[in-house]
Amino acid sequence: MFRKFIRIRRGKTSTTATEGTAEPDSGLTELQAEPDVSTDITAPSEDSDSPTNDHTVKTDRAVTEDMAITNTDTGETQGIPNTDTTPIPTGIHAPELGYFKNSADSSQQQVPAMVSNIHQSLGSHVTVGARLGFNLLRLAEEHPADVVLTLLRCAPSCDRAATMMWRLLGLSGSTLEKVLPTLLCVMEDWPLHSMCTSDGDDTPVLALAATLGLWVIVQVPRCHEAVNLYSSRIFVALLFQVVITTQQMPEEVDHFWRACWEEHRLPTNPNRFAVQAMKALLCRLRCDNEVVAMERKRGWDTLLCADTQHYAVGLLAREMRRVSLPMCSGIALRLLGLLSREEPHWDLPFLAFLVEVLECLDLRECGDSVLEMMSRYLLSECRQRCRLALRGLVVLSKDPAMARRMGSLSQRLVELLGDADGEVVRMSLSVFMNALENKDILVSSTTAPKLAEALLPLFENDNSHVQLFSIHLFCKVMELVVEEGKKPLERIVSQSLLLLFLHCHEENRHVAEASMETLLCAAGFLKRRNLKQLVKKEQLLMFAECLLAEDRSRAAERLHQALPFVESPQESLREAAVRFMGAARVFLRGHKEELQLLSEALQALRRDDSPSQTNIVVQKIFNKRAAELRSSAGSEPESL
């Protein structure tokens, strides 16, 4: 059938196919041929002794058909731009198969020379003869590293002949599976990769040159299966190229790329080309919607700026997570390996991607590595890295096994509760809350008082989520503290009683209910049954009076605690604070600093822009008592 096909093709094109030399095109383009122009194939004669088998026939036919495909669904940036000087397609006489066979058998050291000869012979032509293509594929099958490295050294800027060779390698799935590991190894070794071929050549190869070769391969329609197999590693290699070319451009790479884009009309910046290659990969993996979503959200432009790159990478991870969990899992594992090394300066975007896809990982296998890495970044002075580590710990803390291993992070997390960044505080609270959902995890005697003390100021936080989390967590600490830690905790719990009483009057129903629940827990923790009964009956005013009566010596302290609430924007909180201050006046009598306390209370009460009737009454009572104290001291009473 193959011989018949060749005779038919020769018959049809005998008047048009001319053998000669064409001028090479200046663009790094897809291999193209006009529909009415044949690709002349040199084939063995019918009486030839060269072996012909089914595999050869299929490969020859695939090469003939696919090398003439015109890439019509990509624009100038996705392929070779068309020019007015397209060469006339010509046949290439392949060297005899025996030459390659004998050479390969005699010495592997001749493989680089063979690849160089093939590249040189293709320099002035647009198509690859079937026999020559078959020989190239066989060399790549047997010696993939030699073929890849030699081709990169022969044509680092990926000229027309190299483009044909890369494309041909992409046509064979089995060959591509052997070629891709070496190509990716070069890309991952920035900026230069040095590895000896069988002839002893160890000339360094640019990682960006390998990216050019990969880009050509990814656009080959038949590369789908092999690309799927290595999709995670290819994605990470391209992401690495985007990140590193944005943040670091050595001089030799800059000179190399200037020559590439001037000759081939590629993007002027290598990071833009790397993004272009990444888009091509995602489209090949049927992630077109994610590419469009990134475009719509201006994610690709954000990816090209070093300061915002990690935000864009996080966005890309979220988009990909929706459609391809297995691929995201593979990417996460590779990134985990990269980030486990000594901390480099380009790790932030990788960390951003990893945090977004942590839920795709099997923590039974890699949980320890992830926790160790997040713990290291939690101590970082870089705010972005610290925030990302916290996000990762929020995910890890949901896993009971991981939560049990986070005890060593308690001190750092307590410190972060005092951070000015509300989001950092919220995530730190979430880590504690998730961990303490496990009833078998107890709070140590050293952590409990520090954590409880750090939570009290958060009861007044402007963020309702932080406020709610802190109140709930305070309750958890009282419930789960170890027995020997209860005594040191009593003082702090006692301080919380008035704060929780006041927050029971919050307009936010969830905060009010959480405060009531925690107040009940606090009264039980302190073993004050009368207070506990009043809370259960929701007799809060009587609770305040009883609280003052049980510990008269602390009346002044509690009055100071109530003063800031008089200036609360919530009317219900202001009213509760004023009522408490009115109840406290009885217990202030005889206190050596009574006059000073009354003066401070009056100043707070007068700052209320819309005082309630209770406020006015309390002001009158305090004014009267202050006047009595001044009169007895021999000073003029302060006027109303």
Foldseek 3Di string as FASTA:
>chain_A
DLVVVLVVVCVLCVPPADADFAAFALAQFQQEDPPSAAAHADDDDPPDPDDDDPVLSVQLVLQRVQNHDDPPPDDVQLGFDDDPRDIRAHYQDDDDPVVLVVVVVVDVLCLLVLLLVQLVSCRGHRGYHSVNLVSLLVSLLVFQLSNQVSLCVNCLLCGRSNLNNLQSCLQDQNSVLSNVVNLLVQLVDPAWDFDQDSNGDGPTGGSLSSLVSLSSSLSRLNNLVSCVVCVLSVLVSLLCQLLCQLPDDDPVNLVVLCVNCVRHVHDNGSNLSSVVSNQSSCVSVVLPVLVVVCVVVVLSVLCNHNVRNLVSLLSSLLSCCVPDLPSLQSNLVVLLVVLLPDDDPRNSNSLSNNLNNVVSYDCVVCVVSLLVSLLVQCPDPDPSSVLSSLSSLLVQLLDQVSLVVCPVCLVSLLVQCPDPDPSSNLSSLSNLVSSLVPVVDADELVRLQSNLVSLQVQCPDPDVSSNLSSLLSNLSNLVRHDPVNLVVNLVSLLVCLLVLLLQLQPPPPSSNVSSLVSNLSSCVSNPPVVLNVCSVVPVSLVSLLVSCVVCLVCLLVSLVVLLVQCPDPDPSSVVVSLSSVLSSLVSLPPPPCSLVSLVSSLVSLVVRPDHDPSSVVSNVVSLVVNQVVCVVVPHHRDDD
